[in-house]
Each structure stands twice: as C-alpha cells, then as structure tokens.
Protein backbone atom coordinates (compact mmCIF):
# COMPACT_ATOMS: atom_id res chain seq x y z
CA MET A 1 -0.17 5.65 19.48
CA LEU A 2 -2.43 4.06 17.25
CA ASP A 3 -4.54 1.41 19.16
CA VAL A 4 -6.45 -1.18 17.68
CA ARG A 5 -8.76 -3.46 20.11
CA GLY A 6 -10.79 -6.63 18.99
CA ILE A 7 -12.03 -5.21 15.49
CA THR A 8 -13.96 -7.14 13.36
CA VAL A 9 -15.27 -6.46 9.99
CA HIS A 10 -18.19 -8.97 8.23
CA PHE A 11 -18.69 -8.53 4.37
CA GLY A 12 -22.00 -10.42 4.69
CA ASP A 13 -21.27 -14.14 6.13
CA THR A 14 -17.66 -13.72 5.38
CA VAL A 15 -15.43 -12.41 8.66
CA ALA A 16 -12.72 -10.10 7.42
CA LEU A 17 -11.18 -9.26 10.16
CA ASP A 18 -11.50 -11.23 13.46
CA ALA A 19 -11.23 -9.67 16.75
CA LEU A 20 -7.47 -8.20 15.39
CA ASP A 21 -5.67 -6.41 17.74
CA LEU A 22 -2.44 -4.32 16.63
CA SER A 23 -0.44 -1.08 17.97
CA VAL A 24 1.68 1.34 16.01
CA GLY A 25 3.79 3.61 18.01
CA ASP A 26 3.96 7.50 16.70
CA ASP A 27 6.98 7.12 15.26
CA GLU A 28 7.05 3.36 13.85
CA VAL A 29 6.83 1.26 11.07
CA VAL A 30 4.98 -1.59 11.01
CA CYS A 31 4.65 -4.13 8.10
CA MET A 32 1.42 -6.38 7.86
CA LEU A 33 2.89 -9.34 5.85
CA GLY A 34 0.10 -11.95 4.73
CA ALA A 35 -1.58 -13.75 1.74
CA SER A 36 -4.24 -12.54 -0.47
CA GLY A 37 -7.28 -12.15 1.30
CA SER A 38 -5.58 -12.35 4.87
CA GLY A 39 -7.68 -9.04 5.79
CA LYS A 40 -4.40 -6.75 5.34
CA SER A 41 -6.45 -4.16 2.75
CA THR A 42 -9.60 -4.09 4.73
CA LEU A 43 -7.21 -3.24 8.17
CA LEU A 44 -6.04 -0.07 6.43
CA ARG A 45 -9.61 0.74 4.82
CA ALA A 46 -10.98 0.19 8.39
CA ILE A 47 -8.51 2.35 10.15
CA ALA A 48 -8.85 4.74 7.74
CA GLY A 49 -12.69 4.83 8.62
CA LEU A 50 -13.70 3.30 5.58
CA GLU A 51 -14.89 0.32 6.74
CA PRO A 52 -17.26 -0.15 9.29
CA LEU A 53 -17.14 -2.23 12.58
CA ALA A 54 -18.88 -5.12 13.58
CA ALA A 55 -16.79 -4.88 16.99
CA GLY A 56 -13.93 -3.70 18.76
CA THR A 57 -12.52 0.22 18.96
CA ILE A 58 -9.76 2.21 17.04
CA ALA A 59 -8.14 4.93 18.79
CA ARG A 60 -5.48 7.27 18.52
CA ASP A 61 -3.87 8.84 21.35
CA GLY A 62 -6.30 7.37 23.65
CA VAL A 63 -9.08 8.92 22.05
CA ASP A 64 -12.02 6.56 20.62
CA LEU A 65 -12.30 7.24 16.48
CA ALA A 66 -15.54 5.65 16.27
CA THR A 67 -17.34 8.96 15.25
CA THR A 68 -14.51 10.92 13.61
CA PRO A 69 -15.01 10.92 9.57
CA PRO A 70 -12.73 9.98 7.41
CA HIS A 71 -11.08 13.34 6.32
CA ARG A 72 -10.76 14.05 9.84
CA ARG A 73 -8.90 11.02 10.93
CA ASP A 74 -5.23 12.74 9.93
CA VAL A 75 -3.81 10.03 7.96
CA GLY A 76 -2.61 9.36 4.72
CA LEU A 77 -3.47 6.36 2.50
CA MET A 78 -2.35 5.15 -0.68
CA PHE A 79 -4.35 2.73 -2.30
CA GLN A 80 -3.11 -0.46 -4.05
CA ASP A 81 -3.79 0.60 -7.39
CA HIS A 82 -2.53 3.98 -6.79
CA SER A 83 -6.19 5.48 -7.45
CA LEU A 84 -4.55 8.43 -9.56
CA PHE A 85 -6.53 11.15 -11.20
CA PRO A 86 -5.98 10.45 -14.84
CA HIS A 87 -7.11 13.56 -16.10
CA ARG A 88 -5.17 15.59 -13.55
CA ASP A 89 -1.38 16.38 -13.86
CA VAL A 90 1.10 15.42 -11.49
CA ARG A 91 0.83 18.93 -9.55
CA GLY A 92 -3.35 18.39 -9.60
CA ASN A 93 -3.08 14.82 -8.01
CA VAL A 94 -0.49 16.05 -5.24
CA ALA A 95 -2.24 18.96 -4.42
CA PHE A 96 -6.10 17.40 -4.34
CA GLY A 97 -6.13 16.90 -0.44
CA LEU A 98 -4.77 20.26 0.10
CA ARG A 99 -7.31 21.84 -1.83
CA MET A 100 -9.87 20.01 -0.19
CA ARG A 101 -8.90 21.21 3.25
CA ARG A 102 -9.49 24.77 1.41
CA LEU A 103 -5.40 25.92 2.17
CA PRO A 104 -4.05 29.14 0.53
CA ARG A 105 -3.01 28.79 -3.05
CA ASP A 106 0.84 29.54 -1.97
CA GLU A 107 0.78 27.15 1.02
CA ILE A 108 0.11 24.31 -1.66
CA GLU A 109 2.41 25.27 -3.96
CA ALA A 110 4.78 25.48 -1.37
CA ARG A 111 3.61 21.61 -0.06
CA VAL A 112 3.49 20.33 -3.60
CA HIS A 113 6.83 21.27 -4.48
CA GLU A 114 8.23 20.20 -0.89
CA VAL A 115 6.76 16.59 -1.16
CA LEU A 116 7.62 15.95 -5.06
CA GLU A 117 11.15 16.58 -4.46
CA MET A 118 10.64 14.34 -1.24
CA VAL A 119 9.91 11.73 -3.34
CA GLY A 120 12.46 12.53 -6.13
CA LEU A 121 10.06 13.95 -8.64
CA SER A 122 11.02 17.73 -8.86
CA GLY A 123 10.34 19.64 -11.94
CA TYR A 124 7.32 16.81 -12.83
CA GLU A 125 4.42 19.12 -11.62
CA HIS A 126 2.54 19.69 -15.28
CA ARG A 127 3.38 15.95 -16.28
CA GLY A 128 0.15 14.06 -17.36
CA VAL A 129 -0.39 10.95 -15.39
CA ARG A 130 -0.39 8.51 -18.58
CA GLN A 131 3.02 9.99 -19.43
CA LEU A 132 4.41 8.31 -16.06
CA SER A 133 6.26 4.92 -15.64
CA GLY A 134 4.73 2.66 -13.15
CA GLY A 135 7.57 3.92 -10.67
CA GLU A 136 6.71 7.19 -11.07
CA GLN A 137 2.82 6.79 -10.80
CA GLN A 138 3.68 5.15 -6.98
CA ARG A 139 5.62 8.12 -6.04
CA VAL A 140 3.06 10.51 -6.80
CA ALA A 141 0.61 8.34 -4.97
CA LEU A 142 2.78 8.80 -2.36
CA ALA A 143 3.42 12.49 -2.39
CA ARG A 144 -0.61 12.73 -2.39
CA ALA A 145 -0.89 10.68 0.91
CA LEU A 146 1.85 12.40 2.33
CA ALA A 147 1.52 16.25 1.10
CA PRO A 148 -1.83 16.75 4.32
CA ALA A 149 1.30 15.78 6.26
CA PRO A 150 -0.66 13.21 7.98
CA SER A 151 0.49 11.98 11.23
CA LEU A 152 -0.33 8.11 10.37
CA LEU A 153 0.59 6.55 6.94
CA LEU A 154 -1.09 3.78 5.55
CA LEU A 155 0.25 2.14 2.45
CA ASP A 156 -1.29 -0.38 0.73
CA GLU A 157 0.94 -2.59 -1.12
CA PRO A 158 2.83 0.20 -2.43
CA LEU A 159 5.56 -2.01 -4.43
CA GLY A 160 2.99 -4.52 -5.54
CA ALA A 161 2.27 -3.62 -9.31
CA LEU A 162 6.08 -2.68 -10.01
CA ASP A 163 9.09 -5.61 -11.28
CA ARG A 164 11.38 -6.65 -9.15
CA ALA A 165 14.50 -4.64 -9.82
CA LEU A 166 12.01 -1.25 -9.19
CA ARG A 167 10.91 -2.74 -5.87
CA GLU A 168 14.13 -3.41 -4.70
CA GLU A 169 15.51 0.31 -5.88
CA LEU A 170 12.15 1.62 -3.99
CA THR A 171 11.97 -0.36 -0.84
CA VAL A 172 15.64 1.58 -0.23
CA GLU A 173 14.47 4.71 -0.71
CA LEU A 174 10.89 4.34 1.05
CA LYS A 175 13.43 3.06 4.06
CA MET A 176 15.46 6.25 3.80
CA LEU A 177 12.37 8.39 3.52
CA PHE A 178 10.40 6.67 6.70
CA ASP A 179 13.53 7.43 8.78
CA ARG A 180 13.33 10.98 7.70
CA LEU A 181 9.85 11.46 8.42
CA GLN A 182 9.60 9.57 11.89
CA ILE A 183 5.81 8.91 11.35
CA ALA A 184 3.73 6.29 12.37
CA VAL A 185 3.61 4.12 9.31
CA LEU A 186 1.39 1.06 8.54
CA LEU A 187 2.25 -0.89 4.93
CA VAL A 188 0.34 -4.31 3.83
CA THR A 189 2.38 -6.33 1.52
CA HIS A 190 2.45 -10.22 0.88
CA ASP A 191 6.52 -9.70 0.23
CA HIS A 192 8.83 -10.99 2.75
CA ASP A 193 11.62 -9.24 1.60
CA GLU A 194 9.67 -5.84 1.68
CA ALA A 195 8.09 -6.35 5.09
CA PHE A 196 11.56 -7.26 6.83
CA ALA A 197 13.78 -4.67 4.91
CA LEU A 198 10.77 -1.85 5.76
CA GLY A 199 9.34 -2.62 9.16
CA ASP A 200 10.22 -2.02 12.76
CA ARG A 201 8.03 -4.57 13.36
CA VAL A 202 6.21 -7.31 11.46
CA ALA A 203 2.73 -8.71 12.11
CA VAL A 204 2.14 -12.20 10.22
CA MET A 205 -1.88 -12.06 9.59
CA HIS A 206 -3.87 -14.96 8.43
CA ARG A 207 -7.89 -15.43 8.07
CA GLY A 208 -8.41 -11.64 9.78
CA ARG A 209 -5.74 -12.16 12.69
CA VAL A 210 -2.57 -11.46 13.83
CA GLU A 211 -0.76 -14.69 14.15
CA GLN A 212 2.71 -13.33 15.06
CA VAL A 213 4.31 -9.74 15.78
CA GLY A 214 7.71 -8.72 16.69
CA PRO A 215 10.80 -7.55 15.30
CA PRO A 216 11.84 -8.52 11.57
CA ALA A 217 14.74 -10.77 13.12
CA ASP A 218 12.45 -12.27 15.46
CA VAL A 219 9.56 -13.23 13.45
CA TRP A 220 11.99 -14.90 10.72
CA ARG A 221 14.42 -16.58 13.42
CA ARG A 222 11.51 -17.92 15.78
CA PRO A 223 8.31 -18.40 13.74
CA GLU A 224 5.59 -19.35 16.72
CA SER A 225 3.30 -21.37 14.66
CA GLU A 226 3.29 -24.13 11.43
CA LEU A 227 1.05 -21.92 9.94
CA VAL A 228 3.26 -18.69 10.30
CA ALA A 229 6.76 -20.80 9.53
CA ARG A 230 5.25 -22.49 6.48
CA PHE A 231 4.46 -19.00 4.91
CA LEU A 232 7.92 -17.76 5.40
CA GLY A 233 9.08 -20.58 3.55
CA TRP A 234 10.32 -22.51 6.33
CA ASN A 235 9.94 -26.44 6.23
CA VAL A 236 7.48 -28.15 8.61
CA THR A 237 8.46 -31.87 9.91
CA TYR A 238 7.75 -34.64 12.16
CA ALA A 239 11.04 -36.39 11.19
CA LEU A 240 12.83 -35.00 14.22
CA GLY A 241 10.79 -35.59 16.81
CA SER A 242 7.13 -36.29 18.43
CA LYS A 243 5.79 -32.58 17.88
CA PRO A 244 6.44 -30.65 14.84
CA SER A 245 9.40 -28.97 13.90
CA ALA A 246 10.39 -25.74 11.62
CA VAL A 247 13.47 -26.31 9.59
CA ARG A 248 14.89 -23.27 7.87
CA PRO A 249 15.99 -24.24 4.36
CA ASP A 250 19.25 -22.99 4.80
CA ALA A 251 20.18 -24.91 7.97
CA VAL A 252 20.31 -28.10 5.89
CA THR A 253 23.47 -29.36 4.66
CA LEU A 254 23.94 -32.61 2.29
CA THR A 255 26.71 -34.92 3.48
CA ALA A 256 27.55 -38.50 2.51
CA ASP A 257 27.37 -39.44 6.27
CA GLY A 258 24.57 -37.56 7.62
CA SER A 259 22.04 -38.88 10.19
CA LEU A 260 18.88 -38.10 8.12
CA ARG A 261 18.63 -39.54 4.59
CA GLY A 262 16.58 -38.94 1.40
CA THR A 263 16.27 -38.68 -2.35
CA VAL A 264 16.73 -35.51 -4.33
CA VAL A 265 12.88 -34.95 -6.34
CA SER A 266 13.35 -32.01 -7.30
CA ARG A 267 15.98 -28.93 -7.88
CA ALA A 268 15.75 -25.17 -9.65
CA PHE A 269 18.07 -22.36 -9.84
CA ARG A 270 17.45 -18.87 -7.71
CA ARG A 271 19.81 -16.08 -8.76
CA ASP A 272 22.48 -17.29 -5.85
CA HIS A 273 21.44 -20.20 -5.02
CA PHE A 274 19.77 -23.81 -5.71
CA ARG A 275 16.43 -24.71 -4.24
CA VAL A 276 16.43 -28.83 -3.78
CA LEU A 277 13.40 -30.51 -2.62
CA ILE A 278 14.59 -34.13 -0.71
CA GLU A 279 11.65 -36.48 0.19
CA LEU A 280 12.96 -38.28 3.75
CA GLU A 281 13.08 -42.10 4.24
CA GLY A 282 10.89 -43.24 6.57
CA SER A 283 8.78 -40.15 6.26
CA ARG A 284 6.31 -38.62 4.19
CA ASP A 285 8.05 -35.08 4.72
CA ALA A 286 10.23 -33.14 2.31
CA LEU A 287 12.68 -30.63 3.14
CA ASP A 288 13.26 -27.73 0.67
CA VAL A 289 16.90 -27.14 1.27
CA SER A 290 18.90 -24.15 0.22
CA ILE A 291 22.32 -24.40 -1.29
CA ARG A 292 25.28 -22.10 -2.44
CA GLY A 293 28.15 -22.76 -4.20
CA ALA A 294 28.29 -26.32 -5.23
CA GLU A 295 26.18 -27.53 -7.90
CA PRO A 296 23.52 -29.79 -6.48
CA PRO A 297 22.99 -33.50 -6.66
CA ALA A 298 20.85 -34.62 -9.66
CA VAL A 299 17.32 -35.87 -9.24
CA GLY A 300 17.49 -39.41 -8.23
CA THR A 301 20.19 -39.18 -5.86
CA GLN A 302 20.15 -40.61 -2.51
CA VAL A 303 21.69 -38.02 -0.15
CA GLY A 304 22.52 -37.73 3.87
CA LEU A 305 21.64 -34.57 5.79
CA VAL A 306 22.72 -32.77 8.83
CA ILE A 307 20.86 -29.93 10.07
CA ASP A 308 22.01 -27.48 12.00
CA PRO A 309 20.30 -27.05 15.25
CA ASP A 310 20.22 -23.05 15.48
CA GLY A 311 18.29 -23.54 12.48
CA VAL A 312 15.27 -25.22 14.22
CA VAL A 313 12.52 -24.34 15.89
CA GLU A 314 9.88 -26.66 17.99
CA LEU A 315 6.67 -25.84 17.18
CA ASP A 316 3.62 -26.05 20.08
CA ARG A 317 0.97 -24.75 17.11
C-alpha cells in the first residue's frame, strides 16, 4: 500500500503540491487526471524520491520513505518523454536498471527477453532507438520501467506523444498488461478517456490538490464541484435553480415544446456526434449539447430543450 499524506512541494514561491493526500492499493491502478500544471508529474517525482518534500509523508506498507533513496524505493518510473538512451539499442535500454543492480548476465538476459515479450517487442533487442516508431519507443520505455520487477509502477503521460489511433490501441494493451501484472500503478494523464479506461480509481487534480477521487464511473456520473464538472466537459448553469447545476452534454434533447428555450450559436461535427452550443433565453449561460443521429439545427435557430434529470447534478461547491 502506498500512502501519501499531506505532502507539499515548493518550487521557489510556487506551490506545486498542496497538502495532497492519496493512497494506492497493492494491485490497484490509480489514474491522476488533470490539466497541465496541476502537479501530476511532480507527484510522481516526489513518490520516486526525485523531489524533496516541504511537508507531509510518503509511506509504503507503513514504512516512511523520507530517508529512502530513489534507487531503493522499489518503483519503476516511465518519464513523459520516455528518456531512452539514443546510443544504446533496445536491449541496452531495457537492461540498464538491471545492470545498475549488478545482476548476473544470464539473469539480465532472461529478464530482458521476458519484458520485451510482455510489451510485444520480441526480436527487437538489437534495434537502435532511432529506428523505432513512437509507439515502439513507448513500449521500450515501459519495458525498462518493468524490468526490475517493481512493486509500484509510476507512468508519466505514457501515451501523451502518440496519435489518437495508436493511443486507443495501446490503452487496450496497457489495460490487459496491468490486469496480468497485478501490481500497484500510478498513472498521470490529461486525457479523460485514457484515465477512465485504465484506472480502478481516478483522482482529479487541480493546483496541487486532489479535488475528487473514486471509481471512474462515479467520478464521471457525480462530479462533486464546479471545477471537476467543467474539467470533465459537463455544462455548469444557474438556469435550473438557486444553486449551480452540472448538466451532462448528452442529457439534453432538442424539442419544439421544451420548457427551456435557446438559440443555436455554434455547431461542430465530432466523428460520431455533433456538439451544439445553445445560448439560453433569459440567462447568460450556454449549454454544450451532444447530438447523435439527426442533423442539428442551423446556427441562429431558436430551439426548445428538455433535460434528463439523471444527467443533472446539483453542486455545493
């Protein structure tokens, strides 16, 4: 069990992590979801022992890691830019951490073969890094992080540099790999789909703090604050009551006799649906609506709206 309690990290006058709490079970995948600058990568580096703490504790199985150097924390860290050694071949990159541990040569060879097979790169041992595609480099970086058989895997935007199609393909592969390994994984990403697909729990970060944490479906269906709702792509409006309400884009239906009225101000095609922005009458709010199937009304059209109550969450903060 990884237990992070009240950790604070400063970069000069900037607070990168602000009294942050988080736990990760021994075979749990937790995805840290947040915008750039929210502190996600700093959290990974702090857990790995690469950033000093101004306050708080990081413990593994009840043991405080304050005096434990990075190489003794039993973590595998995959950096956002992969940080592969360009002058080494695939085998040399994957074997690096094992050599630092001075393991026997035959044991190193066996482990390199095992993890390359695990990530789908059998036979790539002697290829140069520059010969590899972006997806193949990602797999090599993952194999290097896995090679020492860590009990905690830290992944910093592992799919961030890849195109959408490759990200979707490797997301499925990562999910299968995590299920097979049964180790603790802490993964940071700005991509909603990636976090919801991979995480047993998702933690939404903002300005160095965890705003909300829970199973992916719970976080998506029940945002607890205006900040989380907006980050996840929900509408936030005061048009439904005295308190702000979060409205899921697909919970709104356009109909001639809707109780709410508005005007279409923009529309955009998004592969399998349209996103239509509707400015509400008598309000400064606008609703971003997801429409599937039918062609949406043209810009400037006045429309009625009906909102499914199951897609509305009243917010307290």
